[in-house]
Amino acid sequence: MLPCKFTEEIPIVAAFPDVYQTESNYRAIGLDRPMPHNKEHHLGLLCSRWNLRPQEVRVVVLIDDDYSNVDAAIRHGYNAIFVR
């Protein structure tokens, strides 16, 4: 048994950056600029929701099947795992 219980539910939403490149599309979901072509937007939302400071992002782990997303996450200070 783990010493603590993780109780917060986090919705997982598929958001494809290619869809959110035109102004009408990215403004419709509340963005003020096109969505990046990696997980930067999604990871930023998660950190905001958890009130994480930049030096605390290492508690977040991205698991992704797109190596470019994993690479970008690592470059931004996150832990990331590439799966096939």
N, C-alpha and C. Protein backbone atom coordinates (compact mmCIF):
# COMPACT_ATOMS: atom_id res chain seq x y z
N MET A 1 0.84 -1.18 0.00
CA MET A 1 0.00 0.00 0.00
C MET A 1 0.88 1.25 0.00
N LEU A 2 0.53 2.18 -0.80
CA LEU A 2 1.27 3.44 -0.86
C LEU A 2 0.96 4.29 0.38
N PRO A 3 1.93 5.07 0.84
CA PRO A 3 1.71 5.88 2.04
C PRO A 3 0.72 7.02 1.86
N CYS A 4 0.44 7.40 0.63
CA CYS A 4 -0.53 8.47 0.41
C CYS A 4 -1.45 8.08 -0.72
N LYS A 5 -2.56 8.75 -0.80
CA LYS A 5 -3.56 8.45 -1.82
C LYS A 5 -3.71 9.66 -2.73
N PHE A 6 -3.65 9.44 -4.03
CA PHE A 6 -3.80 10.51 -4.99
C PHE A 6 -5.27 10.63 -5.32
N THR A 7 -5.91 11.71 -4.91
CA THR A 7 -7.36 11.80 -5.03
C THR A 7 -7.87 12.76 -6.09
N GLU A 8 -7.00 13.59 -6.65
CA GLU A 8 -7.48 14.57 -7.62
C GLU A 8 -7.67 13.92 -8.98
N GLU A 9 -8.80 14.17 -9.59
CA GLU A 9 -9.04 13.70 -10.95
C GLU A 9 -8.62 14.78 -11.92
N ILE A 10 -7.89 14.38 -12.94
CA ILE A 10 -7.43 15.33 -13.95
C ILE A 10 -7.98 14.87 -15.30
N PRO A 11 -8.81 15.68 -15.91
CA PRO A 11 -9.35 15.27 -17.22
C PRO A 11 -8.25 15.26 -18.28
N ILE A 12 -8.29 14.26 -19.13
CA ILE A 12 -7.36 14.18 -20.25
C ILE A 12 -8.15 14.53 -21.49
N VAL A 13 -7.69 15.55 -22.18
CA VAL A 13 -8.39 16.04 -23.36
C VAL A 13 -7.46 15.99 -24.55
N ALA A 14 -7.93 15.38 -25.62
CA ALA A 14 -7.14 15.35 -26.85
C ALA A 14 -7.25 16.72 -27.51
N ALA A 15 -6.13 17.34 -27.73
CA ALA A 15 -6.10 18.63 -28.41
C ALA A 15 -4.98 18.59 -29.42
N PHE A 16 -5.32 18.68 -30.66
CA PHE A 16 -4.34 18.56 -31.72
C PHE A 16 -3.91 19.94 -32.19
N PRO A 17 -2.64 20.29 -31.99
CA PRO A 17 -2.16 21.64 -32.32
C PRO A 17 -2.47 22.09 -33.74
N ASP A 18 -2.47 21.17 -34.71
CA ASP A 18 -2.75 21.58 -36.09
C ASP A 18 -4.12 22.22 -36.23
N VAL A 19 -5.06 21.80 -35.41
CA VAL A 19 -6.43 22.32 -35.47
C VAL A 19 -6.49 23.75 -34.94
N TYR A 20 -5.57 24.11 -34.05
CA TYR A 20 -5.64 25.39 -33.35
C TYR A 20 -4.60 26.39 -33.84
N GLN A 21 -4.40 26.47 -35.14
CA GLN A 21 -3.43 27.39 -35.71
C GLN A 21 -4.08 28.65 -36.27
N THR A 22 -5.35 28.58 -36.64
CA THR A 22 -6.03 29.77 -37.14
C THR A 22 -6.63 30.53 -35.97
N GLU A 23 -6.69 31.84 -36.09
CA GLU A 23 -7.13 32.68 -34.98
C GLU A 23 -8.52 32.31 -34.47
N SER A 24 -9.44 32.04 -35.36
CA SER A 24 -10.80 31.71 -34.90
C SER A 24 -10.80 30.41 -34.09
N ASN A 25 -9.98 29.46 -34.47
CA ASN A 25 -9.94 28.19 -33.74
C ASN A 25 -9.26 28.31 -32.39
N TYR A 26 -8.10 28.99 -32.32
CA TYR A 26 -7.43 29.05 -31.01
C TYR A 26 -8.13 30.02 -30.07
N ARG A 27 -8.77 31.06 -30.58
CA ARG A 27 -9.54 31.96 -29.71
C ARG A 27 -10.78 31.25 -29.14
N ALA A 28 -11.34 30.31 -29.91
CA ALA A 28 -12.53 29.58 -29.46
C ALA A 28 -12.27 28.75 -28.21
N ILE A 29 -11.01 28.35 -27.98
CA ILE A 29 -10.70 27.58 -26.77
C ILE A 29 -9.97 28.43 -25.74
N GLY A 30 -9.99 29.76 -25.93
CA GLY A 30 -9.44 30.67 -24.93
C GLY A 30 -7.97 30.97 -25.05
N LEU A 31 -7.35 30.63 -26.17
CA LEU A 31 -5.93 30.94 -26.35
C LEU A 31 -5.77 32.28 -27.03
N ASP A 32 -4.65 32.94 -26.76
CA ASP A 32 -4.38 34.22 -27.42
C ASP A 32 -3.33 34.10 -28.52
N ARG A 33 -2.87 32.87 -28.74
CA ARG A 33 -1.90 32.61 -29.82
C ARG A 33 -2.06 31.15 -30.24
N PRO A 34 -1.52 30.77 -31.39
CA PRO A 34 -1.65 29.37 -31.82
C PRO A 34 -1.06 28.40 -30.79
N MET A 35 -1.67 27.24 -30.72
CA MET A 35 -1.19 26.21 -29.80
C MET A 35 0.14 25.66 -30.32
N PRO A 36 1.14 25.54 -29.44
CA PRO A 36 2.44 24.98 -29.86
C PRO A 36 2.27 23.55 -30.39
N HIS A 37 3.21 23.12 -31.22
CA HIS A 37 3.15 21.78 -31.80
C HIS A 37 3.76 20.72 -30.88
N ASN A 38 3.83 20.98 -29.60
CA ASN A 38 4.29 19.98 -28.65
C ASN A 38 3.35 20.04 -27.44
N LYS A 39 3.71 19.46 -26.35
CA LYS A 39 2.84 19.40 -25.17
C LYS A 39 3.02 20.60 -24.24
N GLU A 40 3.72 21.63 -24.69
CA GLU A 40 3.98 22.81 -23.86
C GLU A 40 2.69 23.39 -23.29
N HIS A 41 1.67 23.54 -24.11
CA HIS A 41 0.39 24.10 -23.68
C HIS A 41 -0.24 23.24 -22.59
N HIS A 42 -0.31 21.93 -22.82
CA HIS A 42 -0.94 21.01 -21.89
C HIS A 42 -0.18 20.94 -20.56
N LEU A 43 1.14 20.88 -20.63
CA LEU A 43 1.94 20.83 -19.41
C LEU A 43 1.82 22.13 -18.63
N GLY A 44 1.75 23.25 -19.35
CA GLY A 44 1.58 24.54 -18.69
C GLY A 44 0.25 24.63 -17.95
N LEU A 45 -0.82 24.11 -18.56
CA LEU A 45 -2.13 24.10 -17.90
C LEU A 45 -2.09 23.25 -16.64
N LEU A 46 -1.44 22.11 -16.73
CA LEU A 46 -1.34 21.23 -15.57
C LEU A 46 -0.58 21.90 -14.43
N CYS A 47 0.54 22.52 -14.75
CA CYS A 47 1.34 23.21 -13.72
C CYS A 47 0.57 24.39 -13.12
N SER A 48 -0.19 25.07 -13.95
CA SER A 48 -1.01 26.17 -13.45
C SER A 48 -2.08 25.65 -12.49
N ARG A 49 -2.72 24.57 -12.88
CA ARG A 49 -3.77 23.98 -12.04
C ARG A 49 -3.22 23.54 -10.70
N TRP A 50 -1.99 23.01 -10.69
CA TRP A 50 -1.37 22.53 -9.45
C TRP A 50 -0.56 23.62 -8.76
N ASN A 51 -0.57 24.84 -9.31
CA ASN A 51 0.19 25.96 -8.73
C ASN A 51 1.68 25.65 -8.58
N LEU A 52 2.24 25.02 -9.60
CA LEU A 52 3.67 24.68 -9.56
C LEU A 52 4.51 25.84 -10.05
N ARG A 53 5.57 26.12 -9.32
CA ARG A 53 6.54 27.12 -9.77
C ARG A 53 7.47 26.46 -10.78
N PRO A 54 8.15 27.25 -11.62
CA PRO A 54 9.03 26.67 -12.65
C PRO A 54 10.03 25.64 -12.10
N GLN A 55 10.55 25.87 -10.91
CA GLN A 55 11.54 24.94 -10.37
C GLN A 55 10.89 23.65 -9.84
N GLU A 56 9.57 23.58 -9.84
CA GLU A 56 8.86 22.41 -9.33
C GLU A 56 8.31 21.50 -10.43
N VAL A 57 8.52 21.85 -11.68
CA VAL A 57 7.90 21.07 -12.76
C VAL A 57 8.44 19.65 -12.86
N ARG A 58 9.54 19.35 -12.20
CA ARG A 58 10.10 18.01 -12.26
C ARG A 58 9.18 16.97 -11.63
N VAL A 59 8.14 17.40 -10.90
CA VAL A 59 7.20 16.43 -10.33
C VAL A 59 6.22 15.92 -11.38
N VAL A 60 6.21 16.56 -12.54
CA VAL A 60 5.31 16.16 -13.63
C VAL A 60 6.08 15.22 -14.56
N VAL A 61 5.42 14.14 -14.96
CA VAL A 61 6.02 13.20 -15.89
C VAL A 61 5.11 13.07 -17.11
N LEU A 62 5.65 13.38 -18.27
CA LEU A 62 4.93 13.20 -19.53
C LEU A 62 5.28 11.82 -20.07
N ILE A 63 4.26 11.04 -20.42
CA ILE A 63 4.46 9.75 -21.08
C ILE A 63 3.81 9.89 -22.44
N ASP A 64 4.63 9.75 -23.50
CA ASP A 64 4.13 10.05 -24.84
C ASP A 64 4.76 9.11 -25.86
N ASP A 65 4.02 8.88 -26.96
CA ASP A 65 4.55 8.03 -28.02
C ASP A 65 5.15 8.85 -29.17
N ASP A 66 5.26 10.14 -29.00
CA ASP A 66 5.89 11.01 -30.00
C ASP A 66 7.18 11.56 -29.39
N TYR A 67 8.31 11.12 -29.94
CA TYR A 67 9.58 11.49 -29.34
C TYR A 67 9.81 13.00 -29.33
N SER A 68 9.29 13.72 -30.32
CA SER A 68 9.48 15.17 -30.33
C SER A 68 8.80 15.82 -29.13
N ASN A 69 7.65 15.29 -28.69
CA ASN A 69 6.99 15.80 -27.48
C ASN A 69 7.82 15.52 -26.24
N VAL A 70 8.38 14.32 -26.17
CA VAL A 70 9.23 13.94 -25.04
C VAL A 70 10.47 14.84 -24.99
N ASP A 71 11.09 15.03 -26.13
CA ASP A 71 12.29 15.88 -26.20
C ASP A 71 11.98 17.31 -25.78
N ALA A 72 10.87 17.86 -26.27
CA ALA A 72 10.50 19.23 -25.91
C ALA A 72 10.21 19.35 -24.41
N ALA A 73 9.53 18.36 -23.85
CA ALA A 73 9.23 18.38 -22.42
C ALA A 73 10.51 18.38 -21.59
N ILE A 74 11.44 17.54 -21.97
CA ILE A 74 12.72 17.46 -21.24
C ILE A 74 13.46 18.79 -21.34
N ARG A 75 13.45 19.40 -22.52
CA ARG A 75 14.12 20.70 -22.69
C ARG A 75 13.48 21.79 -21.83
N HIS A 76 12.19 21.63 -21.50
CA HIS A 76 11.51 22.62 -20.66
C HIS A 76 11.56 22.24 -19.18
N GLY A 77 12.32 21.21 -18.83
CA GLY A 77 12.54 20.87 -17.43
C GLY A 77 11.65 19.80 -16.84
N TYR A 78 10.79 19.21 -17.66
CA TYR A 78 9.91 18.14 -17.18
C TYR A 78 10.61 16.79 -17.29
N ASN A 79 10.14 15.83 -16.53
CA ASN A 79 10.50 14.43 -16.75
C ASN A 79 9.62 13.92 -17.87
N ALA A 80 10.15 13.03 -18.70
CA ALA A 80 9.35 12.50 -19.79
C ALA A 80 9.83 11.11 -20.14
N ILE A 81 8.88 10.28 -20.55
CA ILE A 81 9.16 8.90 -20.93
C ILE A 81 8.59 8.66 -22.32
N PHE A 82 9.42 8.12 -23.19
CA PHE A 82 9.00 7.78 -24.55
C PHE A 82 8.54 6.33 -24.58
N VAL A 83 7.34 6.09 -25.08
CA VAL A 83 6.81 4.73 -25.23
C VAL A 83 6.49 4.49 -26.69
N ARG A 84 6.51 3.24 -27.07
CA ARG A 84 6.16 2.87 -28.45
C ARG A 84 4.83 2.17 -28.48
